[in-house]
Amino acid sequence: MSWTVYIIEASDDSLYTGISTDVDRRWQQHVDGKVGAKYFRGRSPRKLVYQEPALDRSAASIREAAIKKLSRQQKLDLIHGC
């Protein structure tokens, strides 16, 4: 099973970070709002802006936590490959 860390830009220009084994399925869950993240209640996902493969769930979770600690500018730099 292959894990991916991803970042979604929301309708309010905020950035949501998550992990999944199937980013397309997870994106659709966020869009549908039924089993997506609570984060998207009151805002909607606009576009998937970043994906990064991880070796396993543990590595994905560790990387997700590290990305969540970054400032907005650092996240934008990551997204734009700076």
N, C-alpha and C. Protein backbone atom coordinates (compact mmCIF):
# COMPACT_ATOMS: atom_id res chain seq x y z
N MET A 1 0.84 -1.17 0.00
CA MET A 1 0.00 0.00 0.00
C MET A 1 0.89 1.24 0.00
N SER A 2 0.61 2.14 -0.90
CA SER A 2 1.39 3.35 -1.06
C SER A 2 0.67 4.54 -0.42
N TRP A 3 1.37 5.26 0.43
CA TRP A 3 0.79 6.42 1.11
C TRP A 3 1.25 7.71 0.46
N THR A 4 0.40 8.72 0.50
CA THR A 4 0.70 10.03 -0.06
C THR A 4 0.32 11.11 0.93
N VAL A 5 1.18 12.11 1.07
CA VAL A 5 0.87 13.31 1.83
C VAL A 5 0.40 14.34 0.80
N TYR A 6 -0.69 15.02 1.08
CA TYR A 6 -1.22 15.97 0.10
C TYR A 6 -1.63 17.28 0.77
N ILE A 7 -1.69 18.33 -0.04
CA ILE A 7 -2.17 19.64 0.43
C ILE A 7 -3.27 20.09 -0.53
N ILE A 8 -4.38 20.54 0.05
CA ILE A 8 -5.50 21.06 -0.71
C ILE A 8 -5.67 22.54 -0.37
N GLU A 9 -5.87 23.35 -1.41
CA GLU A 9 -6.22 24.75 -1.21
C GLU A 9 -7.74 24.83 -1.05
N ALA A 10 -8.18 25.48 0.00
CA ALA A 10 -9.61 25.60 0.28
C ALA A 10 -10.17 26.89 -0.31
N SER A 11 -11.49 26.99 -0.31
CA SER A 11 -12.18 28.15 -0.89
C SER A 11 -11.84 29.46 -0.19
N ASP A 12 -11.35 29.39 1.05
CA ASP A 12 -10.95 30.61 1.77
C ASP A 12 -9.44 30.85 1.67
N ASP A 13 -8.79 30.18 0.70
CA ASP A 13 -7.34 30.28 0.45
C ASP A 13 -6.48 29.64 1.53
N SER A 14 -7.08 28.95 2.48
CA SER A 14 -6.29 28.24 3.48
C SER A 14 -5.78 26.94 2.87
N LEU A 15 -4.82 26.31 3.56
CA LEU A 15 -4.20 25.09 3.06
C LEU A 15 -4.45 23.95 4.05
N TYR A 16 -5.01 22.86 3.54
CA TYR A 16 -5.31 21.68 4.35
C TYR A 16 -4.32 20.58 3.99
N THR A 17 -3.71 19.95 4.98
CA THR A 17 -2.76 18.86 4.76
C THR A 17 -3.35 17.57 5.28
N GLY A 18 -3.20 16.50 4.49
CA GLY A 18 -3.70 15.20 4.89
C GLY A 18 -2.88 14.08 4.29
N ILE A 19 -3.25 12.84 4.62
CA ILE A 19 -2.59 11.66 4.06
C ILE A 19 -3.65 10.69 3.56
N SER A 20 -3.27 9.87 2.58
CA SER A 20 -4.21 8.89 2.04
C SER A 20 -3.45 7.86 1.21
N THR A 21 -4.09 6.71 1.01
CA THR A 21 -3.56 5.71 0.09
C THR A 21 -4.17 5.89 -1.29
N ASP A 22 -5.23 6.70 -1.38
CA ASP A 22 -5.90 6.96 -2.65
C ASP A 22 -6.35 8.42 -2.64
N VAL A 23 -5.51 9.28 -3.17
CA VAL A 23 -5.78 10.72 -3.11
C VAL A 23 -7.02 11.09 -3.90
N ASP A 24 -7.25 10.45 -5.05
CA ASP A 24 -8.45 10.76 -5.84
C ASP A 24 -9.72 10.46 -5.06
N ARG A 25 -9.76 9.29 -4.40
CA ARG A 25 -10.92 8.92 -3.58
C ARG A 25 -11.09 9.91 -2.43
N ARG A 26 -9.98 10.26 -1.77
CA ARG A 26 -10.04 11.17 -0.62
C ARG A 26 -10.49 12.56 -1.05
N TRP A 27 -10.01 13.01 -2.21
CA TRP A 27 -10.45 14.31 -2.76
C TRP A 27 -11.97 14.30 -2.90
N GLN A 28 -12.50 13.23 -3.50
CA GLN A 28 -13.94 13.15 -3.72
C GLN A 28 -14.69 13.14 -2.39
N GLN A 29 -14.14 12.49 -1.38
CA GLN A 29 -14.77 12.50 -0.06
C GLN A 29 -14.82 13.91 0.52
N HIS A 30 -13.74 14.66 0.33
CA HIS A 30 -13.72 16.04 0.80
C HIS A 30 -14.76 16.87 0.04
N VAL A 31 -14.85 16.68 -1.26
CA VAL A 31 -15.81 17.42 -2.09
C VAL A 31 -17.24 17.07 -1.69
N ASP A 32 -17.52 15.79 -1.52
CA ASP A 32 -18.88 15.34 -1.17
C ASP A 32 -19.28 15.78 0.23
N GLY A 33 -18.30 15.90 1.13
CA GLY A 33 -18.57 16.39 2.48
C GLY A 33 -19.14 15.38 3.45
N LYS A 34 -19.37 14.15 3.02
CA LYS A 34 -19.98 13.17 3.91
C LYS A 34 -18.96 12.52 4.85
N VAL A 35 -17.88 12.05 4.32
CA VAL A 35 -16.85 11.43 5.15
C VAL A 35 -15.52 12.16 5.02
N GLY A 36 -15.55 13.35 4.44
CA GLY A 36 -14.34 14.17 4.35
C GLY A 36 -14.03 14.79 5.69
N ALA A 37 -12.97 15.54 5.73
CA ALA A 37 -12.52 16.18 6.97
C ALA A 37 -13.50 17.25 7.44
N LYS A 38 -13.63 17.38 8.76
CA LYS A 38 -14.47 18.43 9.34
C LYS A 38 -13.98 19.81 8.90
N TYR A 39 -12.71 19.89 8.55
CA TYR A 39 -12.10 21.15 8.11
C TYR A 39 -12.92 21.77 6.98
N PHE A 40 -13.52 20.92 6.13
CA PHE A 40 -14.24 21.42 4.96
C PHE A 40 -15.72 21.67 5.22
N ARG A 41 -16.11 21.73 6.46
CA ARG A 41 -17.45 22.20 6.79
C ARG A 41 -17.35 23.71 6.94
N GLY A 42 -18.05 24.43 6.10
CA GLY A 42 -17.96 25.90 6.13
C GLY A 42 -17.00 26.45 5.10
N ARG A 43 -16.24 25.59 4.48
CA ARG A 43 -15.36 25.96 3.36
C ARG A 43 -15.34 24.75 2.44
N SER A 44 -14.90 24.92 1.23
CA SER A 44 -14.87 23.78 0.31
C SER A 44 -13.48 23.63 -0.30
N PRO A 45 -13.13 22.41 -0.67
CA PRO A 45 -11.84 22.21 -1.32
C PRO A 45 -11.86 22.82 -2.72
N ARG A 46 -10.83 23.59 -3.04
CA ARG A 46 -10.76 24.25 -4.35
C ARG A 46 -9.90 23.45 -5.32
N LYS A 47 -8.68 23.10 -4.88
CA LYS A 47 -7.82 22.31 -5.76
C LYS A 47 -6.72 21.62 -4.97
N LEU A 48 -6.30 20.49 -5.50
CA LEU A 48 -5.18 19.75 -4.94
C LEU A 48 -3.91 20.43 -5.44
N VAL A 49 -3.07 20.92 -4.51
CA VAL A 49 -1.92 21.71 -4.93
C VAL A 49 -0.57 21.03 -4.68
N TYR A 50 -0.58 19.90 -3.95
CA TYR A 50 0.71 19.26 -3.64
C TYR A 50 0.48 17.80 -3.28
N GLN A 51 1.40 16.95 -3.74
CA GLN A 51 1.41 15.54 -3.36
C GLN A 51 2.85 15.09 -3.16
N GLU A 52 3.06 14.25 -2.17
CA GLU A 52 4.40 13.74 -1.87
C GLU A 52 4.25 12.28 -1.41
N PRO A 53 4.95 11.35 -2.08
CA PRO A 53 4.84 9.95 -1.68
C PRO A 53 5.54 9.70 -0.34
N ALA A 54 5.04 8.69 0.38
CA ALA A 54 5.65 8.27 1.64
C ALA A 54 5.80 6.76 1.63
N LEU A 55 6.78 6.25 2.37
CA LEU A 55 7.05 4.82 2.38
C LEU A 55 5.95 4.00 3.04
N ASP A 56 5.38 4.53 4.12
CA ASP A 56 4.34 3.81 4.85
C ASP A 56 3.50 4.81 5.63
N ARG A 57 2.50 4.31 6.33
CA ARG A 57 1.61 5.21 7.06
C ARG A 57 2.35 6.03 8.12
N SER A 58 3.27 5.40 8.79
CA SER A 58 4.03 6.10 9.83
C SER A 58 4.81 7.27 9.23
N ALA A 59 5.51 7.02 8.14
CA ALA A 59 6.28 8.08 7.48
C ALA A 59 5.36 9.19 6.98
N ALA A 60 4.20 8.80 6.45
CA ALA A 60 3.24 9.79 5.96
C ALA A 60 2.72 10.66 7.11
N SER A 61 2.41 10.04 8.24
CA SER A 61 1.91 10.78 9.39
C SER A 61 2.95 11.73 9.96
N ILE A 62 4.19 11.28 10.00
CA ILE A 62 5.28 12.12 10.50
C ILE A 62 5.48 13.32 9.57
N ARG A 63 5.45 13.07 8.26
CA ARG A 63 5.62 14.16 7.29
C ARG A 63 4.43 15.12 7.34
N GLU A 64 3.23 14.59 7.48
CA GLU A 64 2.03 15.42 7.59
C GLU A 64 2.16 16.36 8.78
N ALA A 65 2.58 15.84 9.92
CA ALA A 65 2.75 16.65 11.12
C ALA A 65 3.80 17.74 10.91
N ALA A 66 4.88 17.38 10.23
CA ALA A 66 5.94 18.35 9.97
C ALA A 66 5.44 19.47 9.05
N ILE A 67 4.66 19.11 8.04
CA ILE A 67 4.12 20.13 7.12
C ILE A 67 3.13 21.03 7.85
N LYS A 68 2.32 20.46 8.71
CA LYS A 68 1.34 21.25 9.45
C LYS A 68 1.99 22.28 10.35
N LYS A 69 3.23 22.03 10.77
CA LYS A 69 3.95 22.97 11.63
C LYS A 69 4.58 24.11 10.84
N LEU A 70 4.65 23.99 9.53
CA LEU A 70 5.26 25.03 8.70
C LEU A 70 4.37 26.28 8.67
N SER A 71 4.99 27.41 8.45
CA SER A 71 4.22 28.64 8.25
C SER A 71 3.55 28.58 6.88
N ARG A 72 2.59 29.44 6.67
CA ARG A 72 1.93 29.49 5.36
C ARG A 72 2.94 29.72 4.25
N GLN A 73 3.87 30.63 4.45
CA GLN A 73 4.86 30.92 3.41
C GLN A 73 5.73 29.70 3.14
N GLN A 74 6.11 28.98 4.17
CA GLN A 74 6.91 27.77 3.98
C GLN A 74 6.12 26.72 3.21
N LYS A 75 4.83 26.61 3.48
CA LYS A 75 3.99 25.67 2.74
C LYS A 75 3.90 26.08 1.27
N LEU A 76 3.73 27.38 1.02
CA LEU A 76 3.68 27.86 -0.36
C LEU A 76 5.00 27.59 -1.08
N ASP A 77 6.11 27.78 -0.40
CA ASP A 77 7.42 27.48 -0.97
C ASP A 77 7.52 25.99 -1.31
N LEU A 78 7.04 25.14 -0.43
CA LEU A 78 7.03 23.70 -0.68
C LEU A 78 6.19 23.38 -1.91
N ILE A 79 5.02 23.95 -1.99
CA ILE A 79 4.11 23.73 -3.11
C ILE A 79 4.75 24.17 -4.43
N HIS A 80 5.44 25.30 -4.41
CA HIS A 80 6.04 25.85 -5.63
C HIS A 80 7.46 25.34 -5.88
N GLY A 81 7.93 24.44 -5.04
CA GLY A 81 9.24 23.81 -5.25
C GLY A 81 10.43 24.71 -4.97
N CYS A 82 10.25 25.68 -4.10
CA CYS A 82 11.37 26.60 -3.77
C CYS A 82 12.27 26.02 -2.71
